[in-house]
N, C-alpha and C. Protein backbone atom coordinates (compact mmCIF):
# COMPACT_ATOMS: atom_id res chain seq x y z
N MET A 1 41.02 -125.26 -0.25
CA MET A 1 41.06 -124.55 -1.52
C MET A 1 41.12 -125.53 -2.69
N VAL A 2 41.99 -126.59 -2.57
CA VAL A 2 42.11 -127.56 -3.65
C VAL A 2 40.78 -128.29 -3.85
N GLY A 3 40.13 -128.65 -2.77
CA GLY A 3 38.84 -129.33 -2.87
C GLY A 3 37.78 -128.47 -3.54
N GLU A 4 37.81 -127.17 -3.24
CA GLU A 4 36.87 -126.24 -3.83
C GLU A 4 37.10 -126.12 -5.34
N LEU A 5 38.39 -126.00 -5.74
CA LEU A 5 38.74 -125.92 -7.15
C LEU A 5 38.35 -127.21 -7.87
N SER A 6 38.61 -128.33 -7.25
CA SER A 6 38.27 -129.63 -7.84
C SER A 6 36.77 -129.75 -8.06
N SER A 7 35.96 -129.30 -7.10
CA SER A 7 34.51 -129.39 -7.26
C SER A 7 34.02 -128.47 -8.37
N ILE A 8 34.69 -127.32 -8.54
CA ILE A 8 34.31 -126.40 -9.62
C ILE A 8 34.63 -127.03 -10.97
N LEU A 9 35.85 -127.57 -11.09
CA LEU A 9 36.25 -128.17 -12.36
C LEU A 9 35.46 -129.42 -12.69
N ASN A 10 35.19 -130.25 -11.73
CA ASN A 10 34.45 -131.48 -11.97
C ASN A 10 32.98 -131.22 -12.27
N GLY A 11 32.49 -130.08 -11.83
CA GLY A 11 31.09 -129.74 -12.07
C GLY A 11 30.89 -128.96 -13.36
N ALA A 12 31.97 -128.63 -14.07
CA ALA A 12 31.86 -127.86 -15.31
C ALA A 12 31.15 -128.67 -16.37
N LYS A 13 30.26 -128.02 -17.06
CA LYS A 13 29.51 -128.69 -18.13
C LYS A 13 29.87 -128.05 -19.46
N PRO A 14 29.94 -128.85 -20.53
CA PRO A 14 30.26 -128.28 -21.84
C PRO A 14 29.18 -127.29 -22.28
N SER A 15 29.58 -126.33 -23.08
CA SER A 15 28.67 -125.32 -23.58
C SER A 15 27.60 -125.98 -24.45
N THR A 16 26.37 -125.55 -24.29
CA THR A 16 25.27 -126.07 -25.11
C THR A 16 24.95 -125.12 -26.25
N LYS A 17 25.72 -124.04 -26.36
CA LYS A 17 25.51 -123.08 -27.44
C LYS A 17 25.78 -123.75 -28.78
N ALA A 18 24.83 -123.66 -29.69
CA ALA A 18 24.97 -124.26 -31.01
C ALA A 18 26.04 -123.52 -31.80
N LYS A 19 26.85 -124.26 -32.52
CA LYS A 19 27.91 -123.67 -33.32
C LYS A 19 27.45 -123.54 -34.76
N ALA A 20 27.88 -122.47 -35.39
CA ALA A 20 27.53 -122.23 -36.79
C ALA A 20 28.19 -123.28 -37.67
N LYS A 21 27.59 -123.57 -38.81
CA LYS A 21 28.11 -124.58 -39.74
C LYS A 21 29.54 -124.29 -40.15
N ASP A 22 29.89 -123.02 -40.38
CA ASP A 22 31.23 -122.66 -40.83
C ASP A 22 32.18 -122.32 -39.69
N ASP A 23 31.76 -122.54 -38.46
CA ASP A 23 32.62 -122.29 -37.30
C ASP A 23 33.76 -123.32 -37.32
N PRO A 24 35.03 -122.86 -37.32
CA PRO A 24 36.14 -123.83 -37.36
C PRO A 24 36.15 -124.75 -36.15
N ASP A 25 35.52 -124.36 -35.05
CA ASP A 25 35.44 -125.23 -33.88
C ASP A 25 34.37 -126.30 -34.04
N ASN A 26 33.62 -126.25 -35.13
CA ASN A 26 32.55 -127.20 -35.38
C ASN A 26 33.02 -128.33 -36.30
N ILE A 27 34.30 -128.66 -36.26
CA ILE A 27 34.86 -129.71 -37.10
C ILE A 27 34.80 -131.02 -36.32
N ASP A 28 34.22 -132.04 -36.90
CA ASP A 28 34.07 -133.33 -36.25
C ASP A 28 35.30 -134.20 -36.52
N ASP A 29 36.23 -134.24 -35.56
CA ASP A 29 37.45 -135.01 -35.73
C ASP A 29 37.24 -136.50 -35.52
N SER A 30 36.05 -136.91 -35.12
CA SER A 30 35.82 -138.33 -34.91
C SER A 30 35.66 -139.07 -36.24
N GLN A 31 35.39 -138.35 -37.30
CA GLN A 31 35.20 -138.97 -38.61
C GLN A 31 36.54 -139.00 -39.35
N PRO A 32 36.84 -140.08 -40.08
CA PRO A 32 38.09 -140.13 -40.85
C PRO A 32 38.09 -139.05 -41.92
N LEU A 33 39.27 -138.66 -42.35
CA LEU A 33 39.40 -137.61 -43.35
C LEU A 33 39.37 -138.14 -44.78
N GLY A 34 39.01 -139.37 -44.97
CA GLY A 34 38.90 -139.92 -46.31
C GLY A 34 40.25 -140.42 -46.81
N SER A 35 40.28 -140.81 -48.07
CA SER A 35 41.48 -141.42 -48.64
C SER A 35 42.54 -140.39 -49.00
N SER A 36 42.22 -139.11 -48.93
CA SER A 36 43.16 -138.08 -49.36
C SER A 36 44.04 -137.53 -48.25
N ALA A 37 43.82 -137.96 -47.02
CA ALA A 37 44.62 -137.40 -45.93
C ALA A 37 44.71 -138.39 -44.78
N ARG A 38 45.77 -138.24 -44.03
CA ARG A 38 45.92 -139.02 -42.81
C ARG A 38 45.02 -138.38 -41.75
N VAL A 39 44.57 -139.14 -40.78
CA VAL A 39 43.67 -138.65 -39.75
C VAL A 39 44.28 -137.44 -39.06
N ALA A 40 43.45 -136.44 -38.77
CA ALA A 40 43.92 -135.25 -38.07
C ALA A 40 44.38 -135.64 -36.67
N VAL A 41 45.49 -135.08 -36.26
CA VAL A 41 46.01 -135.37 -34.93
C VAL A 41 45.44 -134.38 -33.94
N ALA A 42 45.34 -134.80 -32.69
CA ALA A 42 44.75 -133.96 -31.65
C ALA A 42 45.69 -132.84 -31.23
N LYS A 43 46.97 -133.01 -31.46
CA LYS A 43 47.94 -131.98 -31.08
C LYS A 43 48.62 -131.46 -32.33
N TRP A 44 49.36 -130.39 -32.18
CA TRP A 44 50.10 -129.84 -33.31
C TRP A 44 51.13 -130.83 -33.79
N CYS A 45 51.33 -130.90 -35.09
CA CYS A 45 52.42 -131.70 -35.62
C CYS A 45 53.43 -130.75 -36.27
N HIS A 46 54.60 -131.27 -36.58
CA HIS A 46 55.69 -130.41 -37.04
C HIS A 46 55.59 -129.99 -38.49
N GLY A 47 54.98 -130.82 -39.33
CA GLY A 47 54.95 -130.47 -40.74
C GLY A 47 53.88 -131.21 -41.51
N LEU A 48 53.71 -130.78 -42.74
CA LEU A 48 52.73 -131.36 -43.66
C LEU A 48 53.48 -132.08 -44.77
N ASN A 49 53.24 -133.39 -44.90
CA ASN A 49 53.80 -134.17 -46.00
C ASN A 49 52.80 -134.11 -47.15
N VAL A 50 53.30 -133.74 -48.33
CA VAL A 50 52.47 -133.62 -49.52
C VAL A 50 52.89 -134.73 -50.48
N ILE A 51 51.96 -135.64 -50.79
CA ILE A 51 52.22 -136.78 -51.67
C ILE A 51 51.45 -136.54 -52.96
N ARG A 52 52.19 -136.42 -54.08
CA ARG A 52 51.56 -136.17 -55.37
C ARG A 52 51.78 -137.36 -56.29
N ARG A 53 50.78 -137.66 -57.07
CA ARG A 53 50.80 -138.79 -58.00
C ARG A 53 51.90 -138.60 -59.06
N GLY A 54 52.80 -139.56 -59.16
CA GLY A 54 53.82 -139.52 -60.19
C GLY A 54 54.92 -138.50 -59.97
N LYS A 55 54.97 -137.87 -58.81
CA LYS A 55 55.99 -136.87 -58.51
C LYS A 55 56.57 -137.17 -57.15
N HIS A 56 57.72 -136.57 -56.87
CA HIS A 56 58.31 -136.75 -55.55
C HIS A 56 57.45 -136.03 -54.50
N GLY A 57 57.53 -136.50 -53.27
CA GLY A 57 56.79 -135.86 -52.19
C GLY A 57 57.52 -134.62 -51.69
N ALA A 58 56.86 -133.86 -50.87
CA ALA A 58 57.46 -132.67 -50.27
C ALA A 58 56.97 -132.56 -48.84
N MET A 59 57.79 -132.00 -47.99
CA MET A 59 57.41 -131.79 -46.59
C MET A 59 57.61 -130.32 -46.26
N PHE A 60 56.60 -129.71 -45.66
CA PHE A 60 56.66 -128.31 -45.28
C PHE A 60 56.48 -128.20 -43.78
N GLN A 61 57.39 -127.49 -43.12
CA GLN A 61 57.30 -127.31 -41.68
C GLN A 61 56.24 -126.25 -41.38
N TYR A 62 55.34 -126.58 -40.45
CA TYR A 62 54.26 -125.66 -40.11
C TYR A 62 54.76 -124.35 -39.52
N GLN A 63 55.94 -124.34 -38.91
CA GLN A 63 56.43 -123.09 -38.34
C GLN A 63 56.61 -122.02 -39.40
N TYR A 64 56.65 -122.42 -40.68
CA TYR A 64 56.80 -121.47 -41.78
C TYR A 64 55.50 -121.18 -42.51
N LEU A 65 54.37 -121.62 -41.96
CA LEU A 65 53.08 -121.33 -42.58
C LEU A 65 52.86 -119.82 -42.52
N ALA A 66 52.65 -119.20 -43.65
CA ALA A 66 52.53 -117.74 -43.73
C ALA A 66 51.16 -117.27 -43.24
N VAL A 67 51.04 -115.96 -43.13
CA VAL A 67 49.84 -115.38 -42.53
C VAL A 67 48.65 -115.32 -43.48
N HIS A 68 48.87 -115.48 -44.78
CA HIS A 68 47.77 -115.32 -45.73
C HIS A 68 47.48 -116.65 -46.44
N SER A 69 46.22 -116.97 -46.57
CA SER A 69 45.78 -118.12 -47.35
C SER A 69 44.41 -117.79 -47.92
N GLU A 70 43.96 -118.57 -48.91
CA GLU A 70 42.65 -118.32 -49.51
C GLU A 70 41.95 -119.65 -49.78
N PHE A 71 40.61 -119.58 -49.88
CA PHE A 71 39.81 -120.76 -50.17
C PHE A 71 38.57 -120.33 -50.93
N SER A 72 37.99 -121.27 -51.67
CA SER A 72 36.77 -120.96 -52.43
C SER A 72 35.57 -121.08 -51.50
N ASP A 73 34.50 -120.37 -51.86
CA ASP A 73 33.31 -120.40 -51.02
C ASP A 73 32.61 -121.76 -51.04
N ASP A 74 32.88 -122.58 -52.04
CA ASP A 74 32.26 -123.91 -52.09
C ASP A 74 33.24 -125.01 -51.69
N TRP A 75 34.41 -124.63 -51.16
CA TRP A 75 35.42 -125.55 -50.63
C TRP A 75 35.95 -126.52 -51.68
N THR A 76 36.07 -126.07 -52.94
CA THR A 76 36.66 -126.92 -53.98
C THR A 76 38.15 -126.66 -54.15
N TRP A 77 38.70 -125.65 -53.51
CA TRP A 77 40.14 -125.41 -53.53
C TRP A 77 40.53 -124.52 -52.35
N PHE A 78 41.77 -124.62 -51.97
CA PHE A 78 42.38 -123.66 -51.05
C PHE A 78 43.87 -123.65 -51.30
N TRP A 79 44.52 -122.58 -50.88
CA TRP A 79 45.97 -122.56 -50.95
C TRP A 79 46.54 -121.91 -49.70
N VAL A 80 47.74 -122.35 -49.37
CA VAL A 80 48.49 -121.80 -48.24
C VAL A 80 49.91 -121.54 -48.73
N VAL A 81 50.62 -120.71 -48.01
CA VAL A 81 52.00 -120.38 -48.36
C VAL A 81 52.90 -120.74 -47.19
N PHE A 82 54.00 -121.39 -47.50
CA PHE A 82 55.04 -121.66 -46.53
C PHE A 82 56.22 -120.77 -46.90
N ALA A 83 56.66 -119.93 -45.96
CA ALA A 83 57.69 -118.94 -46.26
C ALA A 83 58.85 -119.07 -45.28
N GLY A 84 59.99 -119.49 -45.81
CA GLY A 84 61.21 -119.54 -45.01
C GLY A 84 61.99 -118.25 -45.22
N GLN A 85 63.19 -118.21 -44.70
CA GLN A 85 64.00 -117.00 -44.81
C GLN A 85 64.39 -116.71 -46.26
N HIS A 86 64.67 -117.75 -47.05
CA HIS A 86 65.16 -117.53 -48.41
C HIS A 86 64.25 -118.10 -49.50
N GLU A 87 63.15 -118.70 -49.13
CA GLU A 87 62.27 -119.28 -50.15
C GLU A 87 60.83 -119.29 -49.68
N MET A 88 59.90 -119.28 -50.66
CA MET A 88 58.47 -119.37 -50.37
C MET A 88 57.86 -120.38 -51.33
N TRP A 89 56.87 -121.12 -50.83
CA TRP A 89 56.19 -122.13 -51.63
C TRP A 89 54.69 -121.98 -51.44
N LYS A 90 53.96 -122.03 -52.55
CA LYS A 90 52.50 -122.02 -52.52
C LYS A 90 52.02 -123.45 -52.71
N VAL A 91 51.19 -123.92 -51.81
CA VAL A 91 50.60 -125.26 -51.91
C VAL A 91 49.11 -125.07 -52.15
N LYS A 92 48.66 -125.45 -53.37
CA LYS A 92 47.25 -125.32 -53.72
C LYS A 92 46.64 -126.72 -53.77
N VAL A 93 45.53 -126.89 -53.06
CA VAL A 93 44.83 -128.16 -53.01
C VAL A 93 43.49 -127.99 -53.72
N ILE A 94 43.22 -128.87 -54.69
CA ILE A 94 41.99 -128.81 -55.49
C ILE A 94 41.24 -130.12 -55.29
N GLY A 95 39.95 -130.03 -55.07
CA GLY A 95 39.14 -131.23 -54.85
C GLY A 95 37.71 -130.86 -54.53
N ARG A 96 37.11 -131.61 -53.60
CA ARG A 96 35.75 -131.33 -53.16
C ARG A 96 35.67 -131.46 -51.65
N ASN A 97 34.81 -130.64 -51.05
CA ASN A 97 34.54 -130.71 -49.61
C ASN A 97 35.82 -130.60 -48.78
N LEU A 98 36.63 -129.59 -49.06
CA LEU A 98 37.96 -129.46 -48.46
C LEU A 98 37.99 -128.66 -47.17
N ARG A 99 36.85 -128.32 -46.62
CA ARG A 99 36.79 -127.47 -45.44
C ARG A 99 37.60 -128.03 -44.27
N ARG A 100 37.38 -129.28 -43.92
CA ARG A 100 38.10 -129.87 -42.78
C ARG A 100 39.60 -129.91 -43.05
N TYR A 101 39.99 -130.22 -44.26
CA TYR A 101 41.42 -130.24 -44.59
C TYR A 101 42.04 -128.86 -44.36
N PHE A 102 41.36 -127.81 -44.84
CA PHE A 102 41.88 -126.46 -44.69
C PHE A 102 42.05 -126.11 -43.21
N TYR A 103 41.03 -126.35 -42.42
CA TYR A 103 41.13 -126.00 -41.00
C TYR A 103 42.17 -126.84 -40.28
N CYS A 104 42.33 -128.09 -40.64
CA CYS A 104 43.36 -128.92 -40.01
C CYS A 104 44.76 -128.42 -40.39
N VAL A 105 44.95 -127.96 -41.62
CA VAL A 105 46.23 -127.37 -42.00
C VAL A 105 46.45 -126.08 -41.22
N LYS A 106 45.43 -125.24 -41.17
CA LYS A 106 45.54 -123.96 -40.47
C LYS A 106 45.90 -124.17 -39.00
N GLU A 107 45.40 -125.24 -38.40
CA GLU A 107 45.65 -125.54 -36.99
C GLU A 107 46.87 -126.42 -36.78
N HIS A 108 47.63 -126.70 -37.85
CA HIS A 108 48.87 -127.51 -37.78
C HIS A 108 48.58 -128.93 -37.30
N ARG A 109 47.46 -129.50 -37.74
CA ARG A 109 47.07 -130.82 -37.25
C ARG A 109 46.95 -131.88 -38.34
N LEU A 110 47.32 -131.55 -39.57
CA LEU A 110 47.26 -132.53 -40.64
C LEU A 110 48.68 -132.96 -40.98
N GLU A 111 48.97 -134.24 -40.84
CA GLU A 111 50.33 -134.74 -41.09
C GLU A 111 50.59 -135.03 -42.56
N GLU A 112 49.57 -135.45 -43.29
CA GLU A 112 49.79 -135.85 -44.67
C GLU A 112 48.55 -135.57 -45.50
N ILE A 113 48.79 -135.09 -46.72
CA ILE A 113 47.71 -134.91 -47.68
C ILE A 113 48.22 -135.48 -48.99
N ARG A 114 47.36 -136.18 -49.73
CA ARG A 114 47.84 -136.87 -50.93
C ARG A 114 46.82 -136.84 -52.05
N GLU A 115 47.36 -136.88 -53.27
CA GLU A 115 46.51 -137.04 -54.44
C GLU A 115 46.12 -138.51 -54.54
N PRO A 116 44.97 -138.80 -55.14
CA PRO A 116 44.58 -140.21 -55.32
C PRO A 116 45.47 -140.89 -56.36
N ALA A 117 45.43 -142.21 -56.39
CA ALA A 117 46.24 -142.99 -57.33
C ALA A 117 45.84 -142.74 -58.78
N THR A 118 44.61 -142.31 -58.98
CA THR A 118 44.11 -142.02 -60.33
C THR A 118 43.55 -140.61 -60.35
N ASP A 119 43.40 -140.03 -61.53
CA ASP A 119 42.85 -138.68 -61.59
C ASP A 119 41.33 -138.68 -61.67
N LYS A 120 40.70 -139.82 -61.49
CA LYS A 120 39.24 -139.92 -61.50
C LYS A 120 38.67 -139.60 -60.13
N ASP A 121 37.52 -138.96 -60.10
CA ASP A 121 36.83 -138.61 -58.86
C ASP A 121 35.81 -139.69 -58.53
N PHE A 122 36.18 -140.59 -57.62
CA PHE A 122 35.28 -141.68 -57.23
C PHE A 122 34.64 -141.43 -55.87
N ALA A 123 34.80 -140.25 -55.30
CA ALA A 123 34.27 -139.97 -53.97
C ALA A 123 32.75 -139.84 -54.00
N ALA A 124 32.13 -140.27 -52.93
CA ALA A 124 30.68 -140.14 -52.79
C ALA A 124 30.33 -138.68 -52.52
N ASP A 125 29.09 -138.30 -52.75
CA ASP A 125 28.64 -136.94 -52.46
C ASP A 125 28.89 -136.64 -50.99
N GLY A 126 29.43 -135.47 -50.73
CA GLY A 126 29.70 -135.05 -49.36
C GLY A 126 31.02 -135.54 -48.79
N GLU A 127 31.68 -136.46 -49.49
CA GLU A 127 32.96 -137.00 -49.01
C GLU A 127 34.10 -136.09 -49.47
N GLU A 128 35.09 -135.91 -48.58
CA GLU A 128 36.26 -135.11 -48.94
C GLU A 128 37.12 -135.88 -49.93
N ILE A 129 37.63 -135.16 -50.92
CA ILE A 129 38.58 -135.77 -51.84
C ILE A 129 39.51 -134.70 -52.39
N VAL A 130 40.78 -135.03 -52.45
CA VAL A 130 41.77 -134.19 -53.10
C VAL A 130 41.97 -134.75 -54.49
N LEU A 131 41.84 -133.92 -55.51
CA LEU A 131 42.03 -134.36 -56.88
C LEU A 131 43.41 -133.97 -57.41
N LYS A 132 43.92 -132.84 -56.93
CA LYS A 132 45.20 -132.35 -57.41
C LYS A 132 45.85 -131.47 -56.35
N ILE A 133 47.17 -131.56 -56.26
CA ILE A 133 47.93 -130.69 -55.37
C ILE A 133 49.04 -130.05 -56.20
N GLU A 134 49.07 -128.74 -56.20
CA GLU A 134 50.11 -128.01 -56.92
C GLU A 134 51.07 -127.39 -55.90
N VAL A 135 52.35 -127.63 -56.09
CA VAL A 135 53.39 -127.04 -55.24
C VAL A 135 54.23 -126.14 -56.13
N THR A 136 54.19 -124.84 -55.86
CA THR A 136 54.82 -123.87 -56.73
C THR A 136 55.76 -122.97 -55.94
N PRO A 137 57.01 -122.84 -56.40
CA PRO A 137 57.89 -121.87 -55.74
C PRO A 137 57.42 -120.46 -56.07
N ILE A 138 57.55 -119.56 -55.12
CA ILE A 138 57.13 -118.17 -55.32
C ILE A 138 58.39 -117.32 -55.44
N GLU A 139 58.46 -116.59 -56.53
CA GLU A 139 59.60 -115.70 -56.73
C GLU A 139 59.43 -114.46 -55.87
N SER A 140 60.52 -113.95 -55.36
CA SER A 140 60.47 -112.73 -54.55
C SER A 140 59.97 -111.57 -55.40
N ALA A 141 59.22 -110.70 -54.77
CA ALA A 141 58.73 -109.50 -55.44
C ALA A 141 59.48 -108.30 -54.88
N PRO A 142 59.54 -107.21 -55.64
CA PRO A 142 60.16 -106.01 -55.09
C PRO A 142 59.47 -105.61 -53.79
N GLN A 143 60.23 -105.00 -52.90
CA GLN A 143 59.69 -104.63 -51.60
C GLN A 143 58.43 -103.78 -51.77
N GLY A 144 57.39 -104.13 -51.03
CA GLY A 144 56.13 -103.40 -51.10
C GLY A 144 55.16 -103.94 -52.13
N ASP A 145 55.60 -104.89 -52.97
CA ASP A 145 54.72 -105.47 -53.99
C ASP A 145 54.35 -106.89 -53.57
N VAL A 146 53.28 -107.40 -54.14
CA VAL A 146 52.82 -108.76 -53.86
C VAL A 146 53.38 -109.67 -54.95
N PRO A 147 53.94 -110.84 -54.59
CA PRO A 147 54.43 -111.76 -55.63
C PRO A 147 53.31 -112.11 -56.60
N LYS A 148 53.65 -112.25 -57.89
CA LYS A 148 52.63 -112.49 -58.92
C LYS A 148 51.83 -113.76 -58.65
N GLU A 149 52.43 -114.76 -58.01
CA GLU A 149 51.71 -116.01 -57.72
C GLU A 149 50.59 -115.83 -56.70
N LEU A 150 50.61 -114.71 -55.97
CA LEU A 150 49.61 -114.48 -54.93
C LEU A 150 48.61 -113.39 -55.29
N LYS A 151 48.76 -112.77 -56.47
CA LYS A 151 47.85 -111.70 -56.85
C LYS A 151 46.51 -112.27 -57.29
N VAL A 152 45.44 -111.58 -56.90
CA VAL A 152 44.09 -111.95 -57.32
C VAL A 152 43.84 -111.31 -58.67
N ASN A 153 43.12 -112.00 -59.54
CA ASN A 153 42.77 -111.48 -60.85
C ASN A 153 42.13 -110.10 -60.68
N PRO A 154 42.72 -109.02 -61.24
CA PRO A 154 42.18 -107.68 -61.02
C PRO A 154 40.78 -107.48 -61.59
N GLU A 155 40.39 -108.29 -62.57
CA GLU A 155 39.07 -108.15 -63.16
C GLU A 155 37.99 -108.78 -62.30
N SER A 156 38.37 -109.73 -61.46
CA SER A 156 37.39 -110.42 -60.62
C SER A 156 38.07 -110.85 -59.33
N SER A 157 37.51 -110.43 -58.22
CA SER A 157 38.11 -110.82 -56.94
C SER A 157 37.67 -112.23 -56.54
N GLN A 158 36.70 -112.79 -57.23
CA GLN A 158 36.19 -114.13 -56.91
C GLN A 158 36.28 -115.00 -58.16
N PRO A 159 37.00 -116.14 -58.10
CA PRO A 159 37.06 -117.00 -59.28
C PRO A 159 35.69 -117.64 -59.56
N GLU A 160 35.55 -118.14 -60.77
CA GLU A 160 34.32 -118.85 -61.11
C GLU A 160 34.17 -120.05 -60.18
N ARG A 161 32.95 -120.43 -59.88
CA ARG A 161 32.72 -121.56 -58.99
C ARG A 161 33.39 -122.80 -59.53
N GLY A 162 34.14 -123.46 -58.65
CA GLY A 162 34.78 -124.71 -59.01
C GLY A 162 36.05 -124.56 -59.82
N VAL A 163 36.48 -123.33 -60.07
CA VAL A 163 37.69 -123.10 -60.85
C VAL A 163 38.72 -122.47 -59.93
N ALA A 164 39.82 -123.13 -59.76
CA ALA A 164 40.87 -122.56 -58.93
C ALA A 164 41.60 -121.46 -59.69
N PRO A 165 41.94 -120.37 -58.99
CA PRO A 165 42.62 -119.28 -59.70
C PRO A 165 44.00 -119.68 -60.14
């Protein structure tokens, strides 16, 4: 029986099915994440260290990553919420080509994300870069209501391209 199982497993071939461009499983971890983040780890890590220019750093434990997050269709911003028992924090990342960063955060595999030393965008076309990270405490809302920091603009459900809400 063990020999039979071994031959089945050793004979398994990877799927040749092409993955869609936006498929989260289509992320190439062999490439570095650029100057704005530490390399994605292959296993889950405990938390995300956020390093901001001229401000103190912050660390958020992934076990408190909330169920809702949003991102722009052109990957110039995304935000996630970390919610503990008595506090909630919104972490908004603004930059360019942030798709891999978002999926690595969602999968608890990004250890550190940082703003650049300068506010200038020196990244090449197609390269990931974080330009700004906003860390905002979220005030509790009355039961059944959405905190104001998480409400979408009622006049437009989609922000202007390249403009973070």
